[in-house]
mmCIF file of all heavy atoms, coordinates in Angstrom:
data_MODEL
# 
_entry.id   MODEL 
# 
loop_
_atom_site.group_PDB 
_atom_site.id 
_atom_site.type_symbol 
_atom_site.label_atom_id 
_atom_site.label_alt_id 
_atom_site.label_comp_id 
_atom_site.label_asym_id 
_atom_site.label_entity_id 
_atom_site.label_seq_id 
_atom_site.pdbx_PDB_ins_code 
_atom_site.Cartn_x 
_atom_site.Cartn_y 
_atom_site.Cartn_z 
_atom_site.occupancy 
_atom_site.B_iso_or_equiv 
_atom_site.pdbx_formal_charge 
_atom_site.auth_seq_id 
_atom_site.auth_comp_id 
_atom_site.auth_asym_id 
_atom_site.auth_atom_id 
_atom_site.pdbx_PDB_model_num 
ATOM 1   N N   . GLY A 1 1  ? 0.853   -1.177 -0.049  1.00 0.00 ? 1  GLY A N   1 
ATOM 2   C CA  . GLY A 1 1  ? -0.039  -0.014 -0.004  1.00 0.00 ? 1  GLY A CA  1 
ATOM 3   C C   . GLY A 1 1  ? 0.896   1.195  0.007   1.00 0.00 ? 1  GLY A C   1 
ATOM 4   O O   . GLY A 1 1  ? 2.050   1.171  0.094   1.00 0.00 ? 1  GLY A O   1 
ATOM 5   N N   . ILE A 1 2  ? 0.254   2.352  -0.323  1.00 0.00 ? 2  ILE A N   1 
ATOM 6   C CA  . ILE A 1 2  ? 0.943   3.716  -0.231  1.00 0.00 ? 2  ILE A CA  1 
ATOM 7   C C   . ILE A 1 2  ? 0.156   4.623  0.668   1.00 0.00 ? 2  ILE A C   1 
ATOM 8   O O   . ILE A 1 2  ? -1.013  4.698  0.824   1.00 0.00 ? 2  ILE A O   1 
ATOM 9   C CB  . ILE A 1 2  ? 1.075   4.252  -1.823  1.00 0.00 ? 2  ILE A CB  1 
ATOM 10  C CG1 . ILE A 1 2  ? -0.395  4.380  -2.182  1.00 0.00 ? 2  ILE A CG1 1 
ATOM 11  C CG2 . ILE A 1 2  ? 1.786   3.406  -2.632  1.00 0.00 ? 2  ILE A CG2 1 
ATOM 12  C CD1 . ILE A 1 2  ? -0.354  5.240  -3.591  1.00 0.00 ? 2  ILE A CD1 1 
ATOM 13  N N   . ASN A 1 3  ? 1.041   5.511  1.382   1.00 0.00 ? 3  ASN A N   1 
ATOM 14  C CA  . ASN A 1 3  ? 0.474   6.562  2.206   1.00 0.00 ? 3  ASN A CA  1 
ATOM 15  C C   . ASN A 1 3  ? 0.616   7.989  1.392   1.00 0.00 ? 3  ASN A C   1 
ATOM 16  O O   . ASN A 1 3  ? 1.908   8.193  1.086   1.00 0.00 ? 3  ASN A O   1 
ATOM 17  C CB  . ASN A 1 3  ? 1.234   6.571  3.550   1.00 0.00 ? 3  ASN A CB  1 
ATOM 18  C CG  . ASN A 1 3  ? 0.603   7.719  4.407   1.00 0.00 ? 3  ASN A CG  1 
ATOM 19  O OD1 . ASN A 1 3  ? -0.226  8.387  4.063   1.00 0.00 ? 3  ASN A OD1 1 
ATOM 20  N ND2 . ASN A 1 3  ? 1.181   7.746  5.567   1.00 0.00 ? 3  ASN A ND2 1 
ATOM 21  N N   . ILE A 1 4  ? -0.478  8.444  1.020   1.00 0.00 ? 4  ILE A N   1 
ATOM 22  C CA  . ILE A 1 4  ? -0.422  9.738  0.184   1.00 0.00 ? 4  ILE A CA  1 
ATOM 23  C C   . ILE A 1 4  ? -0.500  10.930 1.170   1.00 0.00 ? 4  ILE A C   1 
ATOM 24  O O   . ILE A 1 4  ? -1.434  11.074 1.869   1.00 0.00 ? 4  ILE A O   1 
ATOM 25  C CB  . ILE A 1 4  ? -1.502  9.755  -0.870  1.00 0.00 ? 4  ILE A CB  1 
ATOM 26  C CG1 . ILE A 1 4  ? -1.411  8.568  -1.713  1.00 0.00 ? 4  ILE A CG1 1 
ATOM 27  C CG2 . ILE A 1 4  ? -1.501  11.003 -1.614  1.00 0.00 ? 4  ILE A CG2 1 
ATOM 28  C CD1 . ILE A 1 4  ? -2.610  8.437  -2.719  1.00 0.00 ? 4  ILE A CD1 1 
ATOM 29  N N   . LYS A 1 5  ? 0.419   11.818 0.912   1.00 0.00 ? 5  LYS A N   1 
ATOM 30  C CA  . LYS A 1 5  ? 0.351   13.028 1.751   1.00 0.00 ? 5  LYS A CA  1 
ATOM 31  C C   . LYS A 1 5  ? 0.422   14.293 0.821   1.00 0.00 ? 5  LYS A C   1 
ATOM 32  O O   . LYS A 1 5  ? 1.374   14.382 -0.003  1.00 0.00 ? 5  LYS A O   1 
ATOM 33  C CB  . LYS A 1 5  ? 1.498   13.197 2.840   1.00 0.00 ? 5  LYS A CB  1 
ATOM 34  C CG  . LYS A 1 5  ? 1.359   12.120 3.878   1.00 0.00 ? 5  LYS A CG  1 
ATOM 35  C CD  . LYS A 1 5  ? 2.581   12.151 4.843   1.00 0.00 ? 5  LYS A CD  1 
ATOM 36  C CE  . LYS A 1 5  ? 2.425   11.117 5.970   1.00 0.00 ? 5  LYS A CE  1 
ATOM 37  N NZ  . LYS A 1 5  ? 3.603   11.028 6.859   1.00 0.00 ? 5  LYS A NZ  1 
ATOM 38  N N   . LEU A 1 6  ? -0.434  15.223 0.943   1.00 0.00 ? 6  LEU A N   1 
ATOM 39  C CA  . LEU A 1 6  ? -0.518  16.302 0.188   1.00 0.00 ? 6  LEU A CA  1 
ATOM 40  C C   . LEU A 1 6  ? 0.761   17.160 0.066   1.00 0.00 ? 6  LEU A C   1 
ATOM 41  O O   . LEU A 1 6  ? 1.186   17.688 -1.083  1.00 0.00 ? 6  LEU A O   1 
ATOM 42  C CB  . LEU A 1 6  ? -1.680  17.322 0.518   1.00 0.00 ? 6  LEU A CB  1 
ATOM 43  C CG  . LEU A 1 6  ? -3.185  16.612 0.378   1.00 0.00 ? 6  LEU A CG  1 
ATOM 44  C CD1 . LEU A 1 6  ? -4.158  17.643 0.750   1.00 0.00 ? 6  LEU A CD1 1 
ATOM 45  C CD2 . LEU A 1 6  ? -3.370  15.961 -0.942  1.00 0.00 ? 6  LEU A CD2 1 
ATOM 46  N N   . MET A 1 7  ? 1.399   17.203 1.186   1.00 0.00 ? 7  MET A N   1 
ATOM 47  C CA  . MET A 1 7  ? 2.640   18.158 1.265   1.00 0.00 ? 7  MET A CA  1 
ATOM 48  C C   . MET A 1 7  ? 3.780   17.455 0.508   1.00 0.00 ? 7  MET A C   1 
ATOM 49  O O   . MET A 1 7  ? 4.822   18.089 0.168   1.00 0.00 ? 7  MET A O   1 
ATOM 50  C CB  . MET A 1 7  ? 3.005   18.321 2.715   1.00 0.00 ? 7  MET A CB  1 
ATOM 51  C CG  . MET A 1 7  ? 2.099   19.040 3.480   1.00 0.00 ? 7  MET A CG  1 
ATOM 52  S SD  . MET A 1 7  ? 1.728   20.720 2.668   1.00 0.00 ? 7  MET A SD  1 
ATOM 53  C CE  . MET A 1 7  ? -0.030  20.880 2.672   1.00 0.00 ? 7  MET A CE  1 
ATOM 54  N N   . LYS A 1 8  ? 3.785   16.255 0.212   1.00 0.00 ? 8  LYS A N   1 
ATOM 55  C CA  . LYS A 1 8  ? 4.785   15.510 -0.456  1.00 0.00 ? 8  LYS A CA  1 
ATOM 56  C C   . LYS A 1 8  ? 4.398   15.482 -2.023  1.00 0.00 ? 8  LYS A C   1 
ATOM 57  O O   . LYS A 1 8  ? 5.250   15.425 -2.850  1.00 0.00 ? 8  LYS A O   1 
ATOM 58  C CB  . LYS A 1 8  ? 4.964   14.074 0.036   1.00 0.00 ? 8  LYS A CB  1 
ATOM 59  C CG  . LYS A 1 8  ? 5.557   13.922 1.530   1.00 0.00 ? 8  LYS A CG  1 
ATOM 60  C CD  . LYS A 1 8  ? 6.101   12.577 1.811   1.00 0.00 ? 8  LYS A CD  1 
ATOM 61  C CE  . LYS A 1 8  ? 5.041   11.545 1.653   1.00 0.00 ? 8  LYS A CE  1 
ATOM 62  N NZ  . LYS A 1 8  ? 5.584   10.214 1.964   1.00 0.00 ? 8  LYS A NZ  1 
ATOM 63  N N   . CYS A 1 9  ? 3.141   15.193 -2.265  1.00 0.00 ? 9  CYS A N   1 
ATOM 64  C CA  . CYS A 1 9  ? 2.717   14.953 -3.673  1.00 0.00 ? 9  CYS A CA  1 
ATOM 65  C C   . CYS A 1 9  ? 2.399   16.184 -4.523  1.00 0.00 ? 9  CYS A C   1 
ATOM 66  O O   . CYS A 1 9  ? 2.000   16.015 -5.809  1.00 0.00 ? 9  CYS A O   1 
ATOM 67  C CB  . CYS A 1 9  ? 1.706   13.820 -3.753  1.00 0.00 ? 9  CYS A CB  1 
ATOM 68  S SG  . CYS A 1 9  ? 0.031   14.455 -3.338  1.00 0.00 ? 9  CYS A SG  1 
ATOM 69  N N   . THR A 1 10 ? 2.357   17.322 -3.927  1.00 0.00 ? 10 THR A N   1 
ATOM 70  C CA  . THR A 1 10 ? 2.011   18.636 -4.651  1.00 0.00 ? 10 THR A CA  1 
ATOM 71  C C   . THR A 1 10 ? 0.485   18.924 -4.595  1.00 0.00 ? 10 THR A C   1 
ATOM 72  O O   . THR A 1 10 ? 0.085   19.882 -5.089  1.00 0.00 ? 10 THR A O   1 
ATOM 73  C CB  . THR A 1 10 ? 2.470   18.788 -6.083  1.00 0.00 ? 10 THR A CB  1 
ATOM 74  O OG1 . THR A 1 10 ? 1.813   17.906 -6.937  1.00 0.00 ? 10 THR A OG1 1 
ATOM 75  C CG2 . THR A 1 10 ? 4.020   18.374 -6.063  1.00 0.00 ? 10 THR A CG2 1 
ATOM 76  N N   . GLY A 1 11 ? -0.253  18.020 -3.857  1.00 0.00 ? 11 GLY A N   1 
ATOM 77  C CA  . GLY A 1 11 ? -1.693  18.465 -3.788  1.00 0.00 ? 11 GLY A CA  1 
ATOM 78  C C   . GLY A 1 11 ? -2.725  17.508 -4.194  1.00 0.00 ? 11 GLY A C   1 
ATOM 79  O O   . GLY A 1 11 ? -2.408  16.322 -4.535  1.00 0.00 ? 11 GLY A O   1 
ATOM 80  N N   . LEU A 1 12 ? -3.942  18.033 -4.243  1.00 0.00 ? 12 LEU A N   1 
ATOM 81  C CA  . LEU A 1 12 ? -5.108  17.051 -4.442  1.00 0.00 ? 12 LEU A CA  1 
ATOM 82  C C   . LEU A 1 12 ? -5.082  16.509 -5.809  1.00 0.00 ? 12 LEU A C   1 
ATOM 83  O O   . LEU A 1 12 ? -5.506  15.314 -6.166  1.00 0.00 ? 12 LEU A O   1 
ATOM 84  C CB  . LEU A 1 12 ? -6.496  17.831 -4.389  1.00 0.00 ? 12 LEU A CB  1 
ATOM 85  C CG  . LEU A 1 12 ? -6.650  18.259 -2.864  1.00 0.00 ? 12 LEU A CG  1 
ATOM 86  C CD1 . LEU A 1 12 ? -7.592  19.459 -2.756  1.00 0.00 ? 12 LEU A CD1 1 
ATOM 87  C CD2 . LEU A 1 12 ? -7.129  17.197 -2.009  1.00 0.00 ? 12 LEU A CD2 1 
ATOM 88  N N   . ALA A 1 13 ? -4.817  17.263 -6.872  1.00 0.00 ? 13 ALA A N   1 
ATOM 89  C CA  . ALA A 1 13 ? -4.831  16.712 -8.335  1.00 0.00 ? 13 ALA A CA  1 
ATOM 90  C C   . ALA A 1 13 ? -3.951  15.556 -8.461  1.00 0.00 ? 13 ALA A C   1 
ATOM 91  O O   . ALA A 1 13 ? -4.284  14.567 -8.987  1.00 0.00 ? 13 ALA A O   1 
ATOM 92  C CB  . ALA A 1 13 ? -4.491  17.803 -9.248  1.00 0.00 ? 13 ALA A CB  1 
ATOM 93  N N   . GLU A 1 14 ? -2.661  15.753 -7.922  1.00 0.00 ? 14 GLU A N   1 
ATOM 94  C CA  . GLU A 1 14 ? -1.766  14.559 -8.067  1.00 0.00 ? 14 GLU A CA  1 
ATOM 95  C C   . GLU A 1 14 ? -2.219  13.384 -7.212  1.00 0.00 ? 14 GLU A C   1 
ATOM 96  O O   . GLU A 1 14 ? -2.063  12.104 -7.422  1.00 0.00 ? 14 GLU A O   1 
ATOM 97  C CB  . GLU A 1 14 ? -0.371  14.841 -7.745  1.00 0.00 ? 14 GLU A CB  1 
ATOM 98  C CG  . GLU A 1 14 ? 0.597   13.924 -7.851  1.00 0.00 ? 14 GLU A CG  1 
ATOM 99  C CD  . GLU A 1 14 ? 1.825   14.237 -8.865  1.00 0.00 ? 14 GLU A CD  1 
ATOM 100 O OE1 . GLU A 1 14 ? 1.638   15.227 -9.586  1.00 0.00 ? 14 GLU A OE1 1 
ATOM 101 O OE2 . GLU A 1 14 ? 2.798   13.594 -8.922  1.00 0.00 ? 14 GLU A OE2 1 
ATOM 102 N N   . ALA A 1 15 ? -2.761  13.665 -5.999  1.00 0.00 ? 15 ALA A N   1 
ATOM 103 C CA  . ALA A 1 15 ? -3.189  12.712 -5.097  1.00 0.00 ? 15 ALA A CA  1 
ATOM 104 C C   . ALA A 1 15 ? -4.274  11.801 -5.576  1.00 0.00 ? 15 ALA A C   1 
ATOM 105 O O   . ALA A 1 15 ? -4.270  10.567 -5.487  1.00 0.00 ? 15 ALA A O   1 
ATOM 106 C CB  . ALA A 1 15 ? -3.686  13.182 -3.767  1.00 0.00 ? 15 ALA A CB  1 
ATOM 107 N N   . ARG A 1 16 ? -5.097  12.392 -6.397  1.00 0.00 ? 16 ARG A N   1 
ATOM 108 C CA  . ARG A 1 16 ? -6.260  11.584 -7.131  1.00 0.00 ? 16 ARG A CA  1 
ATOM 109 C C   . ARG A 1 16 ? -5.627  10.703 -8.074  1.00 0.00 ? 16 ARG A C   1 
ATOM 110 O O   . ARG A 1 16 ? -6.141  9.503  -8.244  1.00 0.00 ? 16 ARG A O   1 
ATOM 111 C CB  . ARG A 1 16 ? -7.190  12.579 -7.677  1.00 0.00 ? 16 ARG A CB  1 
ATOM 112 C CG  . ARG A 1 16 ? -8.052  13.337 -6.725  1.00 0.00 ? 16 ARG A CG  1 
ATOM 113 C CD  . ARG A 1 16 ? -9.234  14.104 -7.244  1.00 0.00 ? 16 ARG A CD  1 
ATOM 114 N NE  . ARG A 1 16 ? -10.143 13.123 -7.785  1.00 0.00 ? 16 ARG A NE  1 
ATOM 115 C CZ  . ARG A 1 16 ? -10.944 13.491 -8.819  1.00 0.00 ? 16 ARG A CZ  1 
ATOM 116 N NH1 . ARG A 1 16 ? -10.844 14.666 -9.472  1.00 0.00 ? 16 ARG A NH1 1 
ATOM 117 N NH2 . ARG A 1 16 ? -11.886 12.625 -9.261  1.00 0.00 ? 16 ARG A NH2 1 
ATOM 118 N N   . LYS A 1 17 ? -4.552  11.213 -8.829  1.00 0.00 ? 17 LYS A N   1 
ATOM 119 C CA  . LYS A 1 17 ? -3.911  10.244 -9.791  1.00 0.00 ? 17 LYS A CA  1 
ATOM 120 C C   . LYS A 1 17 ? -3.228  9.228  -9.230  1.00 0.00 ? 17 LYS A C   1 
ATOM 121 O O   . LYS A 1 17 ? -3.249  7.981  -9.617  1.00 0.00 ? 17 LYS A O   1 
ATOM 122 C CB  . LYS A 1 17 ? -3.026  11.099 -10.522 1.00 0.00 ? 17 LYS A CB  1 
ATOM 123 C CG  . LYS A 1 17 ? -3.640  12.144 -11.495 1.00 0.00 ? 17 LYS A CG  1 
ATOM 124 C CD  . LYS A 1 17 ? -2.639  13.098 -12.234 1.00 0.00 ? 17 LYS A CD  1 
ATOM 125 C CE  . LYS A 1 17 ? -3.262  14.140 -12.852 1.00 0.00 ? 17 LYS A CE  1 
ATOM 126 N NZ  . LYS A 1 17 ? -2.257  15.005 -13.535 1.00 0.00 ? 17 LYS A NZ  1 
ATOM 127 N N   . MET A 1 18 ? -2.628  9.430  -7.969  1.00 0.00 ? 18 MET A N   1 
ATOM 128 C CA  . MET A 1 18 ? -2.025  8.331  -7.245  1.00 0.00 ? 18 MET A CA  1 
ATOM 129 C C   . MET A 1 18 ? -2.877  7.240  -6.718  1.00 0.00 ? 18 MET A C   1 
ATOM 130 O O   . MET A 1 18 ? -2.638  6.050  -6.823  1.00 0.00 ? 18 MET A O   1 
ATOM 131 C CB  . MET A 1 18 ? -1.210  8.953  -6.107  1.00 0.00 ? 18 MET A CB  1 
ATOM 132 C CG  . MET A 1 18 ? 0.020   9.843  -6.534  1.00 0.00 ? 18 MET A CG  1 
ATOM 133 S SD  . MET A 1 18 ? 0.929   10.716 -5.203  1.00 0.00 ? 18 MET A SD  1 
ATOM 134 C CE  . MET A 1 18 ? 1.780   9.364  -4.448  1.00 0.00 ? 18 MET A CE  1 
ATOM 135 N N   . ILE A 1 19 ? -4.067  7.754  -6.212  1.00 0.00 ? 19 ILE A N   1 
ATOM 136 C CA  . ILE A 1 19 ? -5.194  6.834  -5.828  1.00 0.00 ? 19 ILE A CA  1 
ATOM 137 C C   . ILE A 1 19 ? -5.495  5.819  -6.907  1.00 0.00 ? 19 ILE A C   1 
ATOM 138 O O   . ILE A 1 19 ? -5.623  4.649  -6.860  1.00 0.00 ? 19 ILE A O   1 
ATOM 139 C CB  . ILE A 1 19 ? -6.359  7.499  -5.278  1.00 0.00 ? 19 ILE A CB  1 
ATOM 140 C CG1 . ILE A 1 19 ? -6.017  8.164  -3.967  1.00 0.00 ? 19 ILE A CG1 1 
ATOM 141 C CG2 . ILE A 1 19 ? -7.589  6.639  -5.009  1.00 0.00 ? 19 ILE A CG2 1 
ATOM 142 C CD1 . ILE A 1 19 ? -7.160  9.197  -3.474  1.00 0.00 ? 19 ILE A CD1 1 
ATOM 143 N N   . ASP A 1 20 ? -5.790  6.423  -8.175  1.00 0.00 ? 20 ASP A N   1 
ATOM 144 C CA  . ASP A 1 20 ? -6.264  5.742  -9.357  1.00 0.00 ? 20 ASP A CA  1 
ATOM 145 C C   . ASP A 1 20 ? -4.987  4.565  -9.826  1.00 0.00 ? 20 ASP A C   1 
ATOM 146 O O   . ASP A 1 20 ? -5.357  3.599  -10.058 1.00 0.00 ? 20 ASP A O   1 
ATOM 147 C CB  . ASP A 1 20 ? -6.379  6.665  -10.516 1.00 0.00 ? 20 ASP A CB  1 
ATOM 148 C CG  . ASP A 1 20 ? -7.682  7.500  -10.331 1.00 0.00 ? 20 ASP A CG  1 
ATOM 149 O OD1 . ASP A 1 20 ? -8.537  6.913  -9.493  1.00 0.00 ? 20 ASP A OD1 1 
ATOM 150 O OD2 . ASP A 1 20 ? -7.885  8.442  -10.971 1.00 0.00 ? 20 ASP A OD2 1 
ATOM 151 N N   . TRP A 1 21 ? -3.828  5.065  -9.650  1.00 0.00 ? 21 TRP A N   1 
ATOM 152 C CA  . TRP A 1 21 ? -2.684  4.129  -10.012 1.00 0.00 ? 21 TRP A CA  1 
ATOM 153 C C   . TRP A 1 21 ? -2.667  2.947  -8.898  1.00 0.00 ? 21 TRP A C   1 
ATOM 154 O O   . TRP A 1 21 ? -2.577  1.831  -9.325  1.00 0.00 ? 21 TRP A O   1 
ATOM 155 C CB  . TRP A 1 21 ? -1.320  5.001  -9.923  1.00 0.00 ? 21 TRP A CB  1 
ATOM 156 C CG  . TRP A 1 21 ? -0.171  4.080  -10.284 1.00 0.00 ? 21 TRP A CG  1 
ATOM 157 C CD1 . TRP A 1 21 ? 0.288   4.017  -11.692 1.00 0.00 ? 21 TRP A CD1 1 
ATOM 158 C CD2 . TRP A 1 21 ? 0.514   3.212  -9.547  1.00 0.00 ? 21 TRP A CD2 1 
ATOM 159 N NE1 . TRP A 1 21 ? 1.430   3.008  -11.699 1.00 0.00 ? 21 TRP A NE1 1 
ATOM 160 C CE2 . TRP A 1 21 ? 1.556   2.470  -10.333 1.00 0.00 ? 21 TRP A CE2 1 
ATOM 161 C CE3 . TRP A 1 21 ? 0.584   2.768  -8.199  1.00 0.00 ? 21 TRP A CE3 1 
ATOM 162 C CZ2 . TRP A 1 21 ? 2.509   1.603  -9.796  1.00 0.00 ? 21 TRP A CZ2 1 
ATOM 163 C CZ3 . TRP A 1 21 ? 1.500   1.916  -7.628  1.00 0.00 ? 21 TRP A CZ3 1 
ATOM 164 C CH2 . TRP A 1 21 ? 2.417   1.293  -8.553  1.00 0.00 ? 21 TRP A CH2 1 
ATOM 165 N N   . ALA A 1 22 ? -2.879  3.276  -7.702  1.00 0.00 ? 22 ALA A N   1 
ATOM 166 C CA  . ALA A 1 22 ? -2.717  2.212  -6.679  1.00 0.00 ? 22 ALA A CA  1 
ATOM 167 C C   . ALA A 1 22 ? -3.936  1.270  -6.799  1.00 0.00 ? 22 ALA A C   1 
ATOM 168 O O   . ALA A 1 22 ? -3.708  0.039  -6.729  1.00 0.00 ? 22 ALA A O   1 
ATOM 169 C CB  . ALA A 1 22 ? -2.808  2.845  -5.241  1.00 0.00 ? 22 ALA A CB  1 
ATOM 170 N N   . ARG A 1 23 ? -5.059  1.772  -7.184  1.00 0.00 ? 23 ARG A N   1 
ATOM 171 C CA  . ARG A 1 23 ? -6.216  0.881  -7.332  1.00 0.00 ? 23 ARG A CA  1 
ATOM 172 C C   . ARG A 1 23 ? -6.019  0.010  -8.616  1.00 0.00 ? 23 ARG A C   1 
ATOM 173 O O   . ARG A 1 23 ? -6.261  -1.229 -8.540  1.00 0.00 ? 23 ARG A O   1 
ATOM 174 C CB  . ARG A 1 23 ? -7.587  1.700  -7.569  1.00 0.00 ? 23 ARG A CB  1 
ATOM 175 C CG  . ARG A 1 23 ? -7.971  2.381  -6.300  1.00 0.00 ? 23 ARG A CG  1 
ATOM 176 C CD  . ARG A 1 23 ? -8.069  1.523  -5.121  1.00 0.00 ? 23 ARG A CD  1 
ATOM 177 N NE  . ARG A 1 23 ? -8.453  2.162  -3.846  1.00 0.00 ? 23 ARG A NE  1 
ATOM 178 C CZ  . ARG A 1 23 ? -8.439  1.808  -2.722  1.00 0.00 ? 23 ARG A CZ  1 
ATOM 179 N NH1 . ARG A 1 23 ? -7.675  0.576  -2.462  1.00 0.00 ? 23 ARG A NH1 1 
ATOM 180 N NH2 . ARG A 1 23 ? -9.013  2.376  -1.631  1.00 0.00 ? 23 ARG A NH2 1 
ATOM 181 N N   . ALA A 1 24 ? -5.355  0.501  -9.664  1.00 0.00 ? 24 ALA A N   1 
ATOM 182 C CA  . ALA A 1 24 ? -5.147  -0.260 -10.906 1.00 0.00 ? 24 ALA A CA  1 
ATOM 183 C C   . ALA A 1 24 ? -4.153  -1.398 -10.649 1.00 0.00 ? 24 ALA A C   1 
ATOM 184 O O   . ALA A 1 24 ? -4.178  -2.313 -11.234 1.00 0.00 ? 24 ALA A O   1 
ATOM 185 C CB  . ALA A 1 24 ? -4.669  0.692  -11.983 1.00 0.00 ? 24 ALA A CB  1 
ATOM 186 N N   . GLU A 1 25 ? -3.240  -1.203 -9.682  1.00 0.00 ? 25 GLU A N   1 
ATOM 187 C CA  . GLU A 1 25 ? -2.211  -2.144 -9.284  1.00 0.00 ? 25 GLU A CA  1 
ATOM 188 C C   . GLU A 1 25 ? -2.641  -2.994 -8.116  1.00 0.00 ? 25 GLU A C   1 
ATOM 189 O O   . GLU A 1 25 ? -1.774  -3.752 -7.565  1.00 0.00 ? 25 GLU A O   1 
ATOM 190 C CB  . GLU A 1 25 ? -0.835  -1.449 -8.988  1.00 0.00 ? 25 GLU A CB  1 
ATOM 191 C CG  . GLU A 1 25 ? -0.332  -0.681 -10.103 1.00 0.00 ? 25 GLU A CG  1 
ATOM 192 C CD  . GLU A 1 25 ? 0.041   -1.469 -11.284 1.00 0.00 ? 25 GLU A CD  1 
ATOM 193 O OE1 . GLU A 1 25 ? 0.231   -2.815 -11.091 1.00 0.00 ? 25 GLU A OE1 1 
ATOM 194 O OE2 . GLU A 1 25 ? 0.132   -1.193 -12.431 1.00 0.00 ? 25 GLU A OE2 1 
# 
């Protein structure tokens, strides 16, 4: 699993893409 933090990933737009990637994998 992955822990997504807005302060590391640059915000909500990128966080949503990371969620989609994790679900696909």
